Amino acid sequence: MTRITMPLIWLALSLLPAAGWALSTDRNQPMSIEADRVELNDGKGVSVYHGNVKVIQGTLVLTGETMTVYNKGDKVEKVVMEGKPATYRQRPDNKDQDVTAKALRMEYYTNPEYIILLKEAEVEQEGDVLRSQRIEYDVVKDKVNAGTDQPKDRVRITIQPRPEKNQPEPRQP
């Protein structure tokens, strides 16, 4: 592993929590990466992690079968996690529950900062669930698009009821 490859891997993976769901302190935590094997190719700007891939940084946990990091020069362009499914879990600031996501393929782009979940995609936060064959999240614009142009690939959303604020407690008889 060259002196250039390792910082690029750390940079790519530390950017993943930028999806607006992240606990702000996670970026300052040490990162652990596990895989059955790894191929680092500085000449092509590609690093591939194979088999039981697991990334942990603070509350962030990513899992999949294959993770590929693409870079151009000293800049990471894209990170792809694939699995059956690939998974994401992280605790947002000021929340008691983790945000979770899963898809057969998760793509993270750095410029512009963008996340795409493909095939059997699902995001859950506080019991609310968004399911689609394609979920896109524009980090800069904080905008989500879901769905495809295929009629059978419908978007499904489940929203849990929220307790009303300033509602008086029910009276005891």
N, C-alpha and C. Protein backbone atom coordinates (compact mmCIF):
# COMPACT_ATOMS: atom_id res chain seq x y z
N MET A 1 0.85 -1.17 0.00
CA MET A 1 0.00 0.00 0.00
C MET A 1 0.90 1.23 0.00
N THR A 2 0.72 2.12 -0.95
CA THR A 2 1.58 3.29 -1.02
C THR A 2 1.11 4.38 -0.07
N ARG A 3 1.93 5.40 0.08
CA ARG A 3 1.59 6.52 0.96
C ARG A 3 0.41 7.30 0.41
N ILE A 4 0.14 7.20 -0.87
CA ILE A 4 -0.99 7.91 -1.47
C ILE A 4 -2.28 7.12 -1.31
N THR A 5 -2.22 5.83 -1.48
CA THR A 5 -3.43 5.00 -1.46
C THR A 5 -4.17 5.09 -0.14
N MET A 6 -3.49 4.95 0.98
CA MET A 6 -4.16 4.92 2.27
C MET A 6 -4.93 6.20 2.56
N PRO A 7 -4.34 7.40 2.39
CA PRO A 7 -5.12 8.61 2.62
C PRO A 7 -6.34 8.71 1.71
N LEU A 8 -6.24 8.22 0.48
CA LEU A 8 -7.39 8.26 -0.42
C LEU A 8 -8.51 7.36 0.07
N ILE A 9 -8.15 6.20 0.58
CA ILE A 9 -9.17 5.30 1.11
C ILE A 9 -9.86 5.95 2.30
N TRP A 10 -9.06 6.51 3.20
CA TRP A 10 -9.64 7.16 4.39
C TRP A 10 -10.54 8.33 3.98
N LEU A 11 -10.08 9.11 3.03
CA LEU A 11 -10.87 10.25 2.57
C LEU A 11 -12.20 9.78 1.99
N ALA A 12 -12.15 8.79 1.14
CA ALA A 12 -13.37 8.30 0.50
C ALA A 12 -14.36 7.80 1.54
N LEU A 13 -13.90 7.03 2.46
CA LEU A 13 -14.81 6.45 3.44
C LEU A 13 -15.29 7.47 4.45
N SER A 14 -14.45 8.44 4.78
CA SER A 14 -14.90 9.45 5.75
C SER A 14 -15.94 10.37 5.15
N LEU A 15 -16.03 10.42 3.83
CA LEU A 15 -17.04 11.25 3.18
C LEU A 15 -18.41 10.61 3.20
N LEU A 16 -18.50 9.31 3.32
CA LEU A 16 -19.79 8.63 3.28
C LEU A 16 -20.79 9.15 4.32
N PRO A 17 -20.38 9.47 5.55
CA PRO A 17 -21.35 9.96 6.51
C PRO A 17 -21.91 11.33 6.17
N ALA A 18 -21.46 11.98 5.13
CA ALA A 18 -21.92 13.32 4.81
C ALA A 18 -23.35 13.37 4.32
N ALA A 19 -24.04 12.27 4.36
CA ALA A 19 -25.39 12.21 3.82
C ALA A 19 -26.42 12.94 4.65
N GLY A 20 -26.00 13.76 5.60
CA GLY A 20 -26.96 14.51 6.38
C GLY A 20 -27.55 13.71 7.52
N TRP A 21 -27.24 12.42 7.59
CA TRP A 21 -27.78 11.56 8.64
C TRP A 21 -26.76 11.36 9.76
N ALA A 22 -25.56 11.86 9.58
CA ALA A 22 -24.44 11.44 10.40
C ALA A 22 -24.37 12.13 11.76
N LEU A 23 -23.88 11.37 12.75
CA LEU A 23 -23.49 11.95 14.02
C LEU A 23 -22.23 12.76 13.73
N SER A 24 -22.24 14.03 14.09
CA SER A 24 -21.15 14.93 13.68
C SER A 24 -19.79 14.49 14.21
N THR A 25 -19.74 13.76 15.31
CA THR A 25 -18.46 13.34 15.86
C THR A 25 -17.88 12.11 15.17
N ASP A 26 -18.65 11.43 14.32
CA ASP A 26 -18.16 10.22 13.67
C ASP A 26 -16.91 10.47 12.82
N ARG A 27 -16.82 11.59 12.15
CA ARG A 27 -15.67 11.87 11.28
C ARG A 27 -14.36 11.94 12.05
N ASN A 28 -14.45 12.22 13.34
CA ASN A 28 -13.24 12.33 14.16
C ASN A 28 -12.86 11.02 14.83
N GLN A 29 -13.59 9.95 14.55
CA GLN A 29 -13.32 8.65 15.16
C GLN A 29 -12.39 7.83 14.27
N PRO A 30 -11.65 6.90 14.87
CA PRO A 30 -10.83 6.01 14.04
C PRO A 30 -11.72 5.15 13.15
N MET A 31 -11.19 4.75 11.99
CA MET A 31 -11.94 3.93 11.05
C MET A 31 -11.32 2.54 10.99
N SER A 32 -12.18 1.54 10.95
CA SER A 32 -11.75 0.16 10.83
C SER A 32 -12.34 -0.40 9.55
N ILE A 33 -11.51 -1.03 8.72
CA ILE A 33 -11.98 -1.66 7.49
C ILE A 33 -11.56 -3.12 7.53
N GLU A 34 -12.51 -4.01 7.26
CA GLU A 34 -12.23 -5.44 7.19
C GLU A 34 -12.73 -5.98 5.86
N ALA A 35 -11.98 -6.91 5.29
CA ALA A 35 -12.39 -7.60 4.07
C ALA A 35 -11.59 -8.89 3.98
N ASP A 36 -12.09 -9.82 3.18
CA ASP A 36 -11.35 -11.06 2.99
C ASP A 36 -10.06 -10.81 2.21
N ARG A 37 -10.11 -9.86 1.26
CA ARG A 37 -8.90 -9.50 0.52
C ARG A 37 -9.08 -8.11 -0.10
N VAL A 38 -7.96 -7.50 -0.50
CA VAL A 38 -8.00 -6.16 -1.07
C VAL A 38 -7.03 -6.07 -2.24
N GLU A 39 -7.42 -5.32 -3.27
CA GLU A 39 -6.56 -5.02 -4.41
C GLU A 39 -6.41 -3.50 -4.47
N LEU A 40 -5.18 -3.01 -4.35
CA LEU A 40 -4.91 -1.58 -4.41
C LEU A 40 -4.11 -1.31 -5.67
N ASN A 41 -4.67 -0.53 -6.61
CA ASN A 41 -4.01 -0.25 -7.87
C ASN A 41 -3.90 1.26 -8.05
N ASP A 42 -2.76 1.82 -7.60
CA ASP A 42 -2.54 3.26 -7.72
C ASP A 42 -2.51 3.72 -9.16
N GLY A 43 -1.96 2.89 -10.05
CA GLY A 43 -1.85 3.26 -11.46
C GLY A 43 -3.20 3.50 -12.11
N LYS A 44 -4.18 2.67 -11.76
CA LYS A 44 -5.53 2.82 -12.31
C LYS A 44 -6.43 3.67 -11.42
N GLY A 45 -5.97 3.98 -10.21
CA GLY A 45 -6.78 4.77 -9.29
C GLY A 45 -7.98 4.02 -8.77
N VAL A 46 -7.83 2.71 -8.55
CA VAL A 46 -8.94 1.89 -8.08
C VAL A 46 -8.47 0.99 -6.93
N SER A 47 -9.26 0.96 -5.87
CA SER A 47 -9.03 0.05 -4.75
C SER A 47 -10.28 -0.79 -4.59
N VAL A 48 -10.12 -2.13 -4.54
CA VAL A 48 -11.27 -3.02 -4.45
C VAL A 48 -11.11 -3.92 -3.23
N TYR A 49 -12.14 -3.90 -2.38
CA TYR A 49 -12.19 -4.75 -1.20
C TYR A 49 -13.20 -5.85 -1.48
N HIS A 50 -12.81 -7.09 -1.27
CA HIS A 50 -13.64 -8.25 -1.60
C HIS A 50 -13.99 -9.05 -0.36
N GLY A 51 -15.22 -9.53 -0.29
CA GLY A 51 -15.63 -10.52 0.70
C GLY A 51 -15.85 -9.99 2.09
N ASN A 52 -17.08 -10.04 2.56
CA ASN A 52 -17.43 -9.67 3.93
C ASN A 52 -16.83 -8.32 4.33
N VAL A 53 -17.04 -7.32 3.49
CA VAL A 53 -16.50 -5.99 3.74
C VAL A 53 -17.28 -5.34 4.88
N LYS A 54 -16.56 -4.76 5.82
CA LYS A 54 -17.18 -4.06 6.93
C LYS A 54 -16.35 -2.82 7.24
N VAL A 55 -17.02 -1.68 7.28
CA VAL A 55 -16.39 -0.41 7.61
C VAL A 55 -17.07 0.13 8.85
N ILE A 56 -16.29 0.50 9.86
CA ILE A 56 -16.84 1.06 11.09
C ILE A 56 -16.08 2.34 11.40
N GLN A 57 -16.84 3.41 11.67
CA GLN A 57 -16.26 4.68 12.13
C GLN A 57 -17.29 5.34 13.03
N GLY A 58 -17.04 5.31 14.34
CA GLY A 58 -18.02 5.84 15.28
C GLY A 58 -19.30 5.04 15.19
N THR A 59 -20.42 5.73 14.94
CA THR A 59 -21.70 5.02 14.82
C THR A 59 -21.95 4.51 13.41
N LEU A 60 -21.10 4.89 12.45
CA LEU A 60 -21.25 4.45 11.06
C LEU A 60 -20.82 3.00 10.91
N VAL A 61 -21.69 2.20 10.31
CA VAL A 61 -21.35 0.81 9.97
C VAL A 61 -21.83 0.56 8.55
N LEU A 62 -20.91 0.21 7.65
CA LEU A 62 -21.23 -0.16 6.27
C LEU A 62 -20.83 -1.61 6.07
N THR A 63 -21.67 -2.38 5.38
CA THR A 63 -21.32 -3.75 5.08
C THR A 63 -21.67 -4.07 3.63
N GLY A 64 -20.96 -5.02 3.06
CA GLY A 64 -21.24 -5.47 1.70
C GLY A 64 -20.30 -6.57 1.31
N GLU A 65 -20.46 -7.04 0.09
CA GLU A 65 -19.58 -8.09 -0.43
C GLU A 65 -18.38 -7.49 -1.15
N THR A 66 -18.57 -6.34 -1.81
CA THR A 66 -17.48 -5.70 -2.54
C THR A 66 -17.58 -4.19 -2.38
N MET A 67 -16.46 -3.54 -2.07
CA MET A 67 -16.39 -2.08 -2.03
C MET A 67 -15.29 -1.64 -2.97
N THR A 68 -15.63 -0.71 -3.88
CA THR A 68 -14.66 -0.21 -4.84
C THR A 68 -14.54 1.30 -4.66
N VAL A 69 -13.30 1.77 -4.53
CA VAL A 69 -13.01 3.20 -4.39
C VAL A 69 -12.30 3.65 -5.66
N TYR A 70 -12.87 4.66 -6.34
CA TYR A 70 -12.30 5.21 -7.57
C TYR A 70 -11.71 6.59 -7.27
N ASN A 71 -10.48 6.81 -7.72
CA ASN A 71 -9.91 8.14 -7.53
C ASN A 71 -9.20 8.58 -8.80
N LYS A 72 -9.07 9.90 -8.91
CA LYS A 72 -8.35 10.49 -10.03
C LYS A 72 -7.31 11.43 -9.42
N GLY A 73 -6.05 11.08 -9.61
CA GLY A 73 -5.01 11.83 -8.93
C GLY A 73 -5.15 11.62 -7.43
N ASP A 74 -5.21 12.73 -6.71
CA ASP A 74 -5.36 12.62 -5.25
C ASP A 74 -6.79 12.87 -4.79
N LYS A 75 -7.75 12.81 -5.71
CA LYS A 75 -9.15 13.07 -5.37
C LYS A 75 -10.01 11.82 -5.58
N VAL A 76 -10.79 11.50 -4.56
CA VAL A 76 -11.74 10.40 -4.67
C VAL A 76 -12.93 10.89 -5.49
N GLU A 77 -13.32 10.10 -6.49
CA GLU A 77 -14.46 10.44 -7.32
C GLU A 77 -15.72 9.68 -6.94
N LYS A 78 -15.55 8.39 -6.58
CA LYS A 78 -16.71 7.55 -6.34
C LYS A 78 -16.34 6.40 -5.43
N VAL A 79 -17.32 5.99 -4.59
CA VAL A 79 -17.20 4.79 -3.77
C VAL A 79 -18.46 3.95 -4.04
N VAL A 80 -18.28 2.67 -4.34
CA VAL A 80 -19.41 1.77 -4.61
C VAL A 80 -19.34 0.59 -3.65
N MET A 81 -20.46 0.36 -2.95
CA MET A 81 -20.57 -0.81 -2.07
C MET A 81 -21.68 -1.69 -2.65
N GLU A 82 -21.36 -2.97 -2.89
CA GLU A 82 -22.33 -3.92 -3.42
C GLU A 82 -22.49 -5.07 -2.44
N GLY A 83 -23.70 -5.63 -2.38
CA GLY A 83 -23.95 -6.75 -1.49
C GLY A 83 -25.32 -7.35 -1.74
N LYS A 84 -25.69 -8.26 -0.88
CA LYS A 84 -26.98 -8.95 -1.03
C LYS A 84 -27.75 -8.89 0.29
N PRO A 85 -28.06 -7.72 0.82
CA PRO A 85 -27.77 -6.37 0.31
C PRO A 85 -26.53 -5.77 0.96
N ALA A 86 -26.11 -4.62 0.41
CA ALA A 86 -25.15 -3.76 1.10
C ALA A 86 -25.95 -2.97 2.13
N THR A 87 -25.36 -2.68 3.28
CA THR A 87 -26.10 -1.99 4.33
C THR A 87 -25.35 -0.78 4.86
N TYR A 88 -26.12 0.15 5.41
CA TYR A 88 -25.61 1.38 6.02
C TYR A 88 -26.38 1.58 7.31
N ARG A 89 -25.68 1.94 8.38
CA ARG A 89 -26.32 2.28 9.64
C ARG A 89 -25.53 3.40 10.29
N GLN A 90 -26.24 4.41 10.82
CA GLN A 90 -25.56 5.51 11.49
C GLN A 90 -26.54 6.27 12.37
N ARG A 91 -26.05 6.81 13.47
CA ARG A 91 -26.87 7.57 14.40
C ARG A 91 -26.76 9.07 14.08
N PRO A 92 -27.89 9.72 13.78
CA PRO A 92 -27.87 11.17 13.55
C PRO A 92 -27.72 11.94 14.87
N ASP A 93 -27.24 13.16 14.76
CA ASP A 93 -27.16 14.03 15.93
C ASP A 93 -28.55 14.21 16.55
N ASN A 94 -28.59 14.25 17.87
CA ASN A 94 -29.82 14.52 18.63
C ASN A 94 -30.94 13.52 18.36
N LYS A 95 -30.60 12.30 18.00
CA LYS A 95 -31.61 11.27 17.77
C LYS A 95 -31.30 10.05 18.63
N ASP A 96 -32.37 9.31 18.96
CA ASP A 96 -32.22 8.10 19.76
C ASP A 96 -32.12 6.84 18.91
N GLN A 97 -32.45 6.97 17.61
CA GLN A 97 -32.46 5.79 16.74
C GLN A 97 -31.54 6.01 15.55
N ASP A 98 -31.00 4.91 15.05
CA ASP A 98 -30.13 4.96 13.87
C ASP A 98 -30.95 5.14 12.60
N VAL A 99 -30.31 5.71 11.59
CA VAL A 99 -30.84 5.68 10.23
C VAL A 99 -30.22 4.45 9.59
N THR A 100 -31.03 3.66 8.88
CA THR A 100 -30.50 2.50 8.20
C THR A 100 -30.87 2.57 6.72
N ALA A 101 -30.03 1.97 5.91
CA ALA A 101 -30.31 1.88 4.48
C ALA A 101 -29.77 0.54 4.00
N LYS A 102 -30.41 0.04 2.94
CA LYS A 102 -29.89 -1.16 2.30
C LYS A 102 -30.26 -1.12 0.84
N ALA A 103 -29.43 -1.73 0.03
CA ALA A 103 -29.65 -1.83 -1.41
C ALA A 103 -28.65 -2.85 -1.93
N LEU A 104 -28.91 -3.35 -3.12
CA LEU A 104 -27.94 -4.26 -3.72
C LEU A 104 -26.69 -3.50 -4.16
N ARG A 105 -26.86 -2.19 -4.43
CA ARG A 105 -25.72 -1.36 -4.84
C ARG A 105 -25.90 0.04 -4.26
N MET A 106 -24.86 0.55 -3.59
CA MET A 106 -24.84 1.90 -3.06
C MET A 106 -23.68 2.64 -3.73
N GLU A 107 -23.97 3.80 -4.33
CA GLU A 107 -22.93 4.60 -5.00
C GLU A 107 -22.83 5.96 -4.32
N TYR A 108 -21.59 6.38 -4.03
CA TYR A 108 -21.36 7.69 -3.43
C TYR A 108 -20.42 8.47 -4.34
N TYR A 109 -20.86 9.64 -4.79
CA TYR A 109 -20.06 10.51 -5.67
C TYR A 109 -19.63 11.74 -4.87
N THR A 110 -18.42 12.21 -5.11
CA THR A 110 -17.91 13.32 -4.32
C THR A 110 -18.13 14.70 -4.95
N ASN A 111 -18.23 14.78 -6.28
CA ASN A 111 -18.34 16.10 -6.89
C ASN A 111 -19.25 16.06 -8.10
N PRO A 112 -20.50 16.46 -7.95
CA PRO A 112 -21.12 16.94 -6.71
C PRO A 112 -21.42 15.78 -5.77
N GLU A 113 -21.58 16.10 -4.50
CA GLU A 113 -21.80 15.09 -3.48
C GLU A 113 -23.20 14.50 -3.64
N TYR A 114 -23.25 13.18 -3.91
CA TYR A 114 -24.48 12.54 -4.33
C TYR A 114 -24.45 11.07 -3.93
N ILE A 115 -25.57 10.54 -3.49
CA ILE A 115 -25.66 9.13 -3.11
C ILE A 115 -26.79 8.49 -3.90
N ILE A 116 -26.54 7.32 -4.48
CA ILE A 116 -27.58 6.59 -5.22
C ILE A 116 -27.66 5.17 -4.65
N LEU A 117 -28.87 4.77 -4.26
CA LEU A 117 -29.13 3.40 -3.82
C LEU A 117 -29.90 2.72 -4.94
N LEU A 118 -29.41 1.57 -5.39
CA LEU A 118 -29.99 0.89 -6.54
C LEU A 118 -30.41 -0.54 -6.20
N LYS A 119 -31.54 -0.94 -6.73
CA LYS A 119 -32.07 -2.29 -6.63
C LYS A 119 -32.41 -2.67 -5.19
N GLU A 120 -33.71 -2.83 -4.96
CA GLU A 120 -34.21 -3.20 -3.64
C GLU A 120 -33.76 -2.21 -2.57
N ALA A 121 -33.80 -0.93 -2.92
CA ALA A 121 -33.32 0.12 -2.02
C ALA A 121 -34.35 0.43 -0.94
N GLU A 122 -33.84 0.70 0.25
CA GLU A 122 -34.72 1.02 1.38
C GLU A 122 -33.96 1.90 2.36
N VAL A 123 -34.63 2.96 2.82
CA VAL A 123 -34.07 3.84 3.85
C VAL A 123 -35.09 3.91 4.96
N GLU A 124 -34.63 3.73 6.21
CA GLU A 124 -35.53 3.82 7.36
C GLU A 124 -34.97 4.80 8.37
N GLN A 125 -35.87 5.68 8.87
CA GLN A 125 -35.50 6.63 9.90
C GLN A 125 -36.69 6.82 10.82
N GLU A 126 -36.50 6.53 12.10
CA GLU A 126 -37.53 6.67 13.12
C GLU A 126 -38.83 5.95 12.74
N GLY A 127 -38.71 4.78 12.14
CA GLY A 127 -39.88 3.99 11.78
C GLY A 127 -40.46 4.31 10.41
N ASP A 128 -40.10 5.46 9.84
CA ASP A 128 -40.55 5.81 8.49
C ASP A 128 -39.66 5.09 7.49
N VAL A 129 -40.27 4.56 6.42
CA VAL A 129 -39.51 3.76 5.46
C VAL A 129 -39.81 4.23 4.04
N LEU A 130 -38.76 4.39 3.25
CA LEU A 130 -38.85 4.72 1.83
C LEU A 130 -38.25 3.55 1.07
N ARG A 131 -39.04 2.95 0.14
CA ARG A 131 -38.57 1.81 -0.65
C ARG A 131 -38.74 2.13 -2.12
N SER A 132 -37.74 1.75 -2.92
CA SER A 132 -37.80 1.95 -4.36
C SER A 132 -36.67 1.15 -5.00
N GLN A 133 -36.72 1.00 -6.30
CA GLN A 133 -35.61 0.37 -7.01
C GLN A 133 -34.46 1.36 -7.18
N ARG A 134 -34.76 2.65 -7.00
CA ARG A 134 -33.72 3.69 -7.11
C ARG A 134 -34.06 4.83 -6.16
N ILE A 135 -33.12 5.16 -5.28
CA ILE A 135 -33.26 6.30 -4.38
C ILE A 135 -32.01 7.15 -4.56
N GLU A 136 -32.18 8.42 -4.88
CA GLU A 136 -31.06 9.34 -5.06
C GLU A 136 -31.13 10.42 -3.99
N TYR A 137 -29.97 10.76 -3.43
CA TYR A 137 -29.91 11.82 -2.43
C TYR A 137 -28.83 12.81 -2.83
N ASP A 138 -29.25 14.05 -3.13
CA ASP A 138 -28.34 15.15 -3.44
C ASP A 138 -27.99 15.80 -2.11
N VAL A 139 -26.77 15.57 -1.64
CA VAL A 139 -26.35 16.03 -0.32
C VAL A 139 -26.36 17.55 -0.24
N VAL A 140 -25.84 18.23 -1.26
CA VAL A 140 -25.74 19.68 -1.25
C VAL A 140 -27.12 20.32 -1.19
N LYS A 141 -28.04 19.83 -2.00
CA LYS A 141 -29.40 20.40 -2.05
C LYS A 141 -30.33 19.79 -1.01
N ASP A 142 -29.87 18.75 -0.29
CA ASP A 142 -30.69 18.02 0.68
C ASP A 142 -32.01 17.63 0.03
N LYS A 143 -31.90 16.97 -1.13
CA LYS A 143 -33.05 16.61 -1.94
C LYS A 143 -33.03 15.12 -2.26
N VAL A 144 -34.19 14.46 -2.11
CA VAL A 144 -34.32 13.04 -2.41
C VAL A 144 -35.22 12.85 -3.61
N ASN A 145 -34.82 12.00 -4.54
CA ASN A 145 -35.65 11.55 -5.66
C ASN A 145 -35.69 10.04 -5.59
N ALA A 146 -36.89 9.48 -5.78
CA ALA A 146 -37.02 8.03 -5.76
C ALA A 146 -37.89 7.59 -6.92
N GLY A 147 -37.62 6.38 -7.42
CA GLY A 147 -38.41 5.81 -8.48
C GLY A 147 -37.63 5.66 -9.77
N THR A 148 -38.25 4.94 -10.70
CA THR A 148 -37.68 4.73 -12.02
C THR A 148 -38.77 5.03 -13.04
N ASP A 149 -38.45 4.86 -14.31
CA ASP A 149 -39.47 5.06 -15.34
C ASP A 149 -40.21 3.76 -15.68
N GLN A 150 -39.98 2.73 -14.91
CA GLN A 150 -40.66 1.44 -15.12
C GLN A 150 -41.95 1.40 -14.31
N PRO A 151 -43.10 1.14 -14.94
CA PRO A 151 -44.39 1.16 -14.24
C PRO A 151 -44.46 0.21 -13.04
N LYS A 152 -43.80 -0.93 -13.11
CA LYS A 152 -43.88 -1.88 -12.00
C LYS A 152 -42.97 -1.51 -10.84
N ASP A 153 -42.04 -0.58 -11.05
CA ASP A 153 -41.10 -0.16 -10.01
C ASP A 153 -41.66 1.02 -9.22
N ARG A 154 -42.68 0.76 -8.41
CA ARG A 154 -43.34 1.81 -7.67
C ARG A 154 -42.56 2.19 -6.42
N VAL A 155 -42.70 3.44 -6.01
CA VAL A 155 -42.12 3.93 -4.76
C VAL A 155 -43.12 3.62 -3.65
N ARG A 156 -42.61 3.13 -2.53
CA ARG A 156 -43.47 2.83 -1.40
C ARG A 156 -42.93 3.55 -0.16
N ILE A 157 -43.80 4.29 0.49
CA ILE A 157 -43.42 5.06 1.67
C ILE A 157 -44.35 4.70 2.82
N THR A 158 -43.79 4.44 3.97
CA THR A 158 -44.56 4.21 5.19
C THR A 158 -44.16 5.28 6.19
N ILE A 159 -45.14 6.04 6.66
CA ILE A 159 -44.89 7.11 7.62
C ILE A 159 -45.63 6.77 8.91
N GLN A 160 -44.89 6.73 10.00
CA GLN A 160 -45.47 6.41 11.30
C GLN A 160 -46.16 7.65 11.87
N PRO A 161 -47.25 7.46 12.62
CA PRO A 161 -47.89 8.61 13.27
C PRO A 161 -46.96 9.21 14.31
N ARG A 162 -47.02 10.52 14.44
CA ARG A 162 -46.20 11.24 15.42
C ARG A 162 -47.11 11.75 16.53
N PRO A 163 -46.65 11.70 17.76
CA PRO A 163 -47.46 12.25 18.84
C PRO A 163 -47.60 13.77 18.64
N GLU A 164 -48.78 14.27 18.92
CA GLU A 164 -49.00 15.70 18.78
C GLU A 164 -48.32 16.43 19.91
N LYS A 165 -47.73 17.58 19.59
CA LYS A 165 -47.06 18.40 20.61
C LYS A 165 -48.11 19.21 21.36
N ASN A 166 -47.82 19.52 22.61
CA ASN A 166 -48.69 20.32 23.47
C ASN A 166 -50.08 19.71 23.63
N GLN A 167 -50.17 18.42 23.51
CA GLN A 167 -51.43 17.72 23.69
C GLN A 167 -51.55 17.38 25.18
N PRO A 168 -52.69 17.72 25.81
CA PRO A 168 -52.82 17.39 27.24
C PRO A 168 -52.85 15.88 27.45
N GLU A 169 -52.32 15.47 28.58
CA GLU A 169 -52.33 14.06 28.94
C GLU A 169 -53.76 13.57 29.12
N PRO A 170 -54.08 12.34 28.72
CA PRO A 170 -55.44 11.83 28.92
C PRO A 170 -55.76 11.77 30.42
N ARG A 171 -56.99 12.08 30.74
CA ARG A 171 -57.42 12.06 32.14
C ARG A 171 -57.71 10.65 32.61
N GLN A 172 -57.34 10.40 33.84
CA GLN A 172 -57.65 9.12 34.47
C GLN A 172 -59.06 9.20 35.05
N PRO A 173 -59.90 8.16 34.92
CA PRO A 173 -61.25 8.20 35.49
C PRO A 173 -61.26 8.13 37.00
